[in-house]
Amino acid sequence: MSCKIDPALHRERKPEWIKVRLPSDPVFWSTKGLIDDLKLHTVCEEAQCPNRWECWSGGTATFMIAGDRCTRACGFCAVKTAKPFALEADEPQRVAEATKRLGLKHVVITAVARDDVADGGALHFAQTVEATRAANPGIVIEILVPDFNGKDDALEVCMASDPDVFNHNLETVERLTGLVRSRAKYGRSLEVLQKAKAIAASRGARVATKSGLMLGLGETEDEVLVAMDDLLEHGVTVLTMGQYLRPSAKHLPVVEYVHPDQFVRLKEVAESKGFEHVASGPLVRSSYHAADFNPVTK
């Protein structure tokens, strides 16, 4: 598998705890082969996730729908920014087939930002969720969505498919949002999370809401704690925290490598504040070990 990380960054001195295990399990290659065969994109590859070796070796992947070209240019993200291609009408069925072949009990479906489409790709999300559930009754479906530019009608369309987990990342603290996230707004993200839960409730459904933070971009601990409180106030029950890793020299620099002990301590603080499930560590990403949280049993 090719790696897009800038070679110059390999010369940067990283701490001992930033290590990635290379693939040795044959399941890794069979998973990759299946994804290639069905012509699917994964955030594992496009976002250069450091855990893709582990996840693919376990037979799971986070599917990225709506293409591999994003309409935004966030300062942290490895996904390329370019004019997107048209949405593929058969993609929902291909994702559903992949989850069936892999025998997944929990799947994460995410997408690039599609500001070129009126609904931001909300209907495409809904169709993918519906196709996946039809092919795999009982599967837990988690969606990791953009903010749909804050359009309530788009969020209504997306939530009509009744996902089990609704994930939208805050990514960083309020002060750094303008620097880190292109076009995104801190308050808007909180509102999207809150409204998603309210829409589900109005439909007589339950949805767990989830969000993630990257650390090491220059935030203070107090700002992280405020972000936790803001998420809780907007109904979020699941939190992920991980180390920001710079994809290339063109992206935002790492200000700090946060020690694993600090991640452990922040996890304890988050749990004490009331989050139902917290994943926190240097290599934790939004969908890392996503199945560890089962909303059906909560």
Protein backbone atom coordinates (compact mmCIF):
# COMPACT_ATOMS: atom_id res chain seq x y z
CA MET A 1 0.00 0.00 0.00
CA SER A 2 1.36 3.39 -0.96
CA CYS A 3 1.87 6.04 1.71
CA LYS A 4 1.35 9.72 0.93
CA ILE A 5 3.14 11.12 3.95
CA ASP A 6 5.79 13.67 3.01
CA PRO A 7 9.21 11.94 3.21
CA ALA A 8 10.67 15.05 4.87
CA LEU A 9 8.42 14.46 7.85
CA HIS A 10 10.01 11.09 8.51
CA ARG A 11 13.13 13.00 9.56
CA GLU A 12 11.20 14.78 12.29
CA ARG A 13 11.95 13.37 15.71
CA LYS A 14 8.82 11.76 17.08
CA PRO A 15 8.46 10.44 20.62
CA GLU A 16 8.87 6.79 21.47
CA TRP A 17 5.14 6.21 21.88
CA ILE A 18 4.26 7.20 18.30
CA LYS A 19 4.75 3.79 16.72
CA VAL A 20 2.77 1.99 14.03
CA ARG A 21 2.77 -1.77 13.64
CA LEU A 22 3.20 -2.85 10.01
CA PRO A 23 0.85 -5.48 8.58
CA SER A 24 1.68 -9.16 8.88
CA ASP A 25 -1.76 -10.75 9.14
CA PRO A 26 -3.16 -12.11 5.83
CA VAL A 27 -6.56 -10.68 6.80
CA PHE A 28 -5.05 -7.23 6.16
CA TRP A 29 -4.44 -8.06 2.52
CA SER A 30 -7.80 -9.77 2.03
CA THR A 31 -9.54 -6.69 3.46
CA LYS A 32 -7.56 -4.43 1.16
CA GLY A 33 -8.37 -6.69 -1.77
CA LEU A 34 -12.10 -6.55 -1.02
CA ILE A 35 -12.07 -2.75 -0.78
CA ASP A 36 -10.17 -2.48 -4.07
CA ASP A 37 -12.46 -5.02 -5.74
CA LEU A 38 -15.59 -3.03 -4.86
CA LYS A 39 -13.87 0.26 -5.83
CA LEU A 40 -14.49 1.83 -2.44
CA HIS A 41 -12.65 4.58 -0.61
CA THR A 42 -11.72 4.37 3.06
CA VAL A 43 -10.80 7.13 5.44
CA CYS A 44 -8.14 4.69 6.63
CA GLU A 45 -6.13 5.35 3.47
CA GLU A 46 -7.26 8.82 2.45
CA ALA A 47 -6.65 10.37 5.89
CA GLN A 48 -3.49 8.32 6.45
CA CYS A 49 -4.86 6.81 9.66
CA PRO A 50 -2.01 5.35 11.74
CA ASN A 51 -4.23 2.44 12.80
CA ARG A 52 -5.16 1.14 9.36
CA TRP A 53 -2.74 -1.79 9.70
CA GLU A 54 -4.44 -2.90 12.91
CA CYS A 55 -8.02 -2.34 11.78
CA TRP A 56 -7.62 -3.98 8.38
CA SER A 57 -5.87 -6.93 9.99
CA GLY A 58 -9.00 -7.25 12.13
CA GLY A 59 -11.19 -7.25 9.04
CA THR A 60 -12.75 -3.82 9.53
CA ALA A 61 -12.52 -0.46 7.80
CA THR A 62 -14.19 2.94 7.87
CA PHE A 63 -15.83 3.54 4.52
CA MET A 64 -15.61 7.01 2.99
CA ILE A 65 -18.47 7.70 0.62
CA ALA A 66 -19.14 10.53 -1.85
CA GLY A 67 -15.68 10.29 -3.43
CA ASP A 68 -12.16 11.11 -2.33
CA ARG A 69 -12.19 14.83 -3.20
CA CYS A 70 -13.20 17.29 -0.50
CA THR A 71 -14.57 20.79 -1.09
CA ARG A 72 -12.83 22.10 2.02
CA ALA A 73 -9.16 22.57 2.81
CA CYS A 74 -8.79 21.97 6.54
CA GLY A 75 -5.34 22.60 7.93
CA PHE A 76 -5.00 19.16 9.50
CA CYS A 77 -6.52 16.84 6.91
CA ALA A 78 -4.72 14.62 4.37
CA VAL A 79 -7.77 14.15 2.13
CA LYS A 80 -7.20 16.06 -1.11
CA THR A 81 -9.10 19.25 -1.89
CA ALA A 82 -10.41 19.40 -5.47
CA LYS A 83 -13.59 19.70 -7.51
CA PRO A 84 -15.47 16.48 -6.72
CA PHE A 85 -16.87 14.03 -9.25
CA ALA A 86 -20.59 13.26 -9.40
CA LEU A 87 -21.98 11.02 -6.66
CA GLU A 88 -22.05 7.34 -7.66
CA ALA A 89 -25.58 5.98 -7.52
CA ASP A 90 -24.47 2.40 -6.82
CA GLU A 91 -22.02 3.28 -4.04
CA PRO A 92 -24.52 2.60 -1.21
CA GLN A 93 -24.98 -0.96 -2.48
CA ARG A 94 -21.21 -1.47 -2.81
CA VAL A 95 -20.66 -0.37 0.79
CA ALA A 96 -23.47 -2.67 1.92
CA GLU A 97 -21.89 -5.57 0.05
CA ALA A 98 -18.49 -4.88 1.62
CA THR A 99 -19.93 -4.89 5.14
CA LYS A 100 -21.71 -8.16 4.38
CA ARG A 101 -18.60 -9.86 2.97
CA LEU A 102 -16.53 -8.71 5.93
CA GLY A 103 -19.15 -9.95 8.37
CA LEU A 104 -19.16 -6.67 10.27
CA LYS A 105 -21.32 -6.19 13.35
CA HIS A 106 -20.42 -2.47 13.58
CA VAL A 107 -19.60 -0.24 10.62
CA VAL A 108 -18.49 3.39 10.42
CA ILE A 109 -19.49 5.36 7.33
CA THR A 110 -18.00 8.78 6.74
CA ALA A 111 -17.65 11.17 3.81
CA VAL A 112 -15.77 14.11 2.43
CA ALA A 113 -17.47 17.51 2.67
CA ARG A 114 -19.62 18.00 -0.43
CA ASP A 115 -20.46 21.69 -0.39
CA ASP A 116 -21.05 21.42 -4.15
CA VAL A 117 -24.22 19.39 -3.53
CA ALA A 118 -27.32 21.17 -2.26
CA ASP A 119 -27.84 18.81 0.69
CA GLY A 120 -24.13 18.32 1.39
CA GLY A 121 -24.47 14.62 0.59
CA ALA A 122 -27.13 13.94 3.25
CA LEU A 123 -29.35 11.83 0.97
CA HIS A 124 -26.31 9.79 -0.11
CA PHE A 125 -25.57 9.10 3.55
CA ALA A 126 -29.17 8.02 4.16
CA GLN A 127 -29.19 5.72 1.13
CA THR A 128 -25.94 4.10 2.26
CA VAL A 129 -27.29 3.51 5.76
CA GLU A 130 -30.52 2.03 4.40
CA ALA A 131 -28.73 -0.26 1.92
CA THR A 132 -26.31 -1.45 4.60
CA ARG A 133 -29.07 -2.23 7.09
CA ALA A 134 -31.10 -4.06 4.44
CA ALA A 135 -28.11 -6.25 3.59
CA ASN A 136 -27.06 -6.74 7.21
CA PRO A 137 -30.02 -6.79 9.62
CA GLY A 138 -28.85 -6.11 13.17
CA ILE A 139 -25.61 -4.35 12.20
CA VAL A 140 -24.73 -1.26 14.28
CA ILE A 141 -24.30 1.68 11.91
CA GLU A 142 -22.25 4.70 12.89
CA ILE A 143 -22.10 7.72 10.61
CA LEU A 144 -19.33 10.32 10.83
CA VAL A 145 -20.69 13.35 9.01
CA PRO A 146 -19.67 16.86 7.96
CA ASP A 147 -21.74 19.78 9.23
CA PHE A 148 -23.95 20.04 6.09
CA ASN A 149 -23.37 23.81 6.38
CA GLY A 150 -25.82 23.81 9.27
CA LYS A 151 -28.83 23.06 7.02
CA ASP A 152 -31.59 21.56 9.13
CA ASP A 153 -33.37 19.98 6.15
CA ALA A 154 -30.19 18.13 5.18
CA LEU A 155 -29.79 16.86 8.74
CA GLU A 156 -33.43 15.71 8.72
CA VAL A 157 -32.81 13.70 5.54
CA CYS A 158 -29.70 12.11 7.02
CA MET A 159 -31.37 11.21 10.32
CA ALA A 160 -34.40 9.69 8.56
CA SER A 161 -32.23 6.61 7.98
CA ASP A 162 -32.02 6.08 11.77
CA PRO A 163 -28.28 5.54 12.32
CA ASP A 164 -27.34 4.02 15.66
CA VAL A 165 -24.44 6.41 16.32
CA PHE A 166 -24.20 9.96 14.99
CA ASN A 167 -20.62 11.20 14.98
CA HIS A 168 -19.49 14.71 14.10
CA ASN A 169 -16.05 15.85 15.18
CA LEU A 170 -15.46 19.10 16.98
CA GLU A 171 -11.77 18.46 16.10
CA THR A 172 -10.30 21.24 18.24
CA VAL A 173 -11.03 23.88 20.85
CA GLU A 174 -13.01 27.00 20.04
CA ARG A 175 -10.01 29.35 19.83
CA LEU A 176 -8.27 27.22 17.18
CA THR A 177 -11.30 26.34 15.07
CA GLY A 178 -10.74 29.06 12.48
CA LEU A 179 -7.15 27.95 11.98
CA VAL A 180 -7.78 24.20 11.94
CA ARG A 181 -11.13 23.74 10.19
CA SER A 182 -11.92 25.34 6.85
CA ARG A 183 -15.41 26.93 6.80
CA ALA A 184 -16.44 25.10 9.97
CA LYS A 185 -17.71 26.85 13.07
CA TYR A 186 -17.39 25.64 16.66
CA GLY A 187 -20.93 26.60 17.62
CA ARG A 188 -22.39 25.14 14.45
CA SER A 189 -20.80 21.76 15.15
CA LEU A 190 -22.26 21.71 18.65
CA GLU A 191 -25.69 22.59 17.22
CA VAL A 192 -25.46 19.81 14.61
CA LEU A 193 -24.79 17.27 17.35
CA GLN A 194 -27.63 18.55 19.52
CA LYS A 195 -30.12 18.72 16.64
CA ALA A 196 -29.30 15.20 15.45
CA LYS A 197 -30.28 13.81 18.85
CA ALA A 198 -33.43 15.95 18.93
CA ILE A 199 -34.48 14.78 15.45
CA ALA A 200 -34.02 11.16 16.47
CA ALA A 201 -36.13 11.71 19.59
CA SER A 202 -38.89 13.35 17.53
CA ARG A 203 -38.97 10.18 15.41
CA GLY A 204 -39.27 8.01 18.50
CA ALA A 205 -35.73 6.74 17.96
CA ARG A 206 -32.58 6.82 20.07
CA VAL A 207 -29.19 7.78 18.76
CA ALA A 208 -25.87 8.01 20.57
CA THR A 209 -24.00 11.18 19.67
CA LYS A 210 -20.23 11.15 19.47
CA SER A 211 -17.44 13.64 18.81
CA GLY A 212 -13.66 13.79 18.71
CA LEU A 213 -10.82 16.13 19.58
CA MET A 214 -7.25 16.28 18.26
CA LEU A 215 -4.60 17.33 20.76
CA GLY A 216 -1.20 18.85 20.10
CA LEU A 217 -2.30 21.81 17.99
CA GLY A 218 -1.57 24.40 20.66
CA GLU A 219 -4.67 24.08 22.82
CA THR A 220 -4.48 24.45 26.60
CA GLU A 221 -5.82 21.87 29.02
CA ASP A 222 -8.41 24.35 30.28
CA GLU A 223 -9.67 24.78 26.71
CA VAL A 224 -9.97 21.02 26.32
CA LEU A 225 -12.01 20.83 29.52
CA VAL A 226 -14.30 23.60 28.27
CA ALA A 227 -14.79 21.68 25.01
CA MET A 228 -15.76 18.60 27.02
CA ASP A 229 -18.33 20.62 28.95
CA ASP A 230 -19.70 22.13 25.74
CA LEU A 231 -20.13 18.67 24.20
CA LEU A 232 -21.89 17.34 27.28
CA GLU A 233 -24.21 20.35 27.35
CA HIS A 234 -25.20 19.52 23.77
CA GLY A 235 -26.02 15.90 24.53
CA VAL A 236 -22.85 14.16 23.38
CA THR A 237 -22.16 10.92 25.25
CA VAL A 238 -19.15 9.42 23.44
CA LEU A 239 -15.76 11.15 23.12
CA THR A 240 -12.52 10.32 21.33
CA MET A 241 -9.20 12.13 21.86
CA GLY A 242 -6.01 11.54 19.90
CA GLN A 243 -2.70 13.09 18.91
CA TYR A 244 -2.62 15.30 15.83
CA LEU A 245 -0.03 14.01 13.36
CA ARG A 246 1.07 16.26 10.52
CA PRO A 247 0.38 14.63 7.11
CA SER A 248 2.79 16.85 5.14
CA ALA A 249 4.89 19.99 5.37
CA LYS A 250 1.93 21.91 3.88
CA HIS A 251 -0.28 21.10 6.86
CA LEU A 252 -0.38 22.63 10.32
CA PRO A 253 2.68 21.82 12.44
CA VAL A 254 2.51 19.73 15.58
CA VAL A 255 2.87 22.11 18.52
CA GLU A 256 3.14 19.35 21.15
CA TYR A 257 3.33 15.58 21.37
CA VAL A 258 1.03 14.83 24.27
CA HIS A 259 2.31 12.11 26.59
CA PRO A 260 0.20 8.93 26.88
CA ASP A 261 -0.17 9.54 30.62
CA GLN A 262 -1.90 12.82 29.85
CA PHE A 263 -4.35 11.03 27.56
CA VAL A 264 -5.12 8.59 30.37
CA ARG A 265 -5.71 11.44 32.79
CA LEU A 266 -7.97 13.29 30.34
CA LYS A 267 -9.96 10.09 29.82
CA GLU A 268 -10.53 9.85 33.57
CA VAL A 269 -11.58 13.50 33.72
CA ALA A 270 -14.00 13.04 30.80
CA GLU A 271 -15.55 9.99 32.42
CA SER A 272 -15.92 11.82 35.71
CA LYS A 273 -17.72 14.62 33.88
CA GLY A 274 -20.32 12.18 32.57
CA PHE A 275 -19.32 10.78 29.17
CA GLU A 276 -20.59 7.20 28.78
CA HIS A 277 -17.61 6.06 26.72
CA VAL A 278 -14.20 7.66 26.15
CA ALA A 279 -11.34 6.50 23.91
CA SER A 280 -8.18 8.51 24.57
CA GLY A 281 -4.60 7.89 23.43
CA PRO A 282 -1.94 9.13 21.01
CA LEU A 283 -3.11 6.95 18.11
CA VAL A 284 -6.85 7.09 18.82
CA ARG A 285 -8.97 8.30 15.92
CA SER A 286 -12.73 8.82 15.53
CA SER A 287 -13.48 5.28 14.43
CA TYR A 288 -10.72 3.46 16.33
CA HIS A 289 -12.23 0.42 18.07
CA ALA A 290 -15.63 2.00 17.41
CA ALA A 291 -17.37 -1.28 18.19
CA ASP A 292 -16.13 -1.08 21.80
CA PHE A 293 -19.12 1.19 22.36
CA ASN A 294 -22.41 -0.57 21.69
CA PRO A 295 -25.33 1.87 21.79
CA VAL A 296 -27.80 -1.00 21.90
CA THR A 297 -26.65 -1.99 25.37
CA LYS A 298 -26.51 1.56 26.74
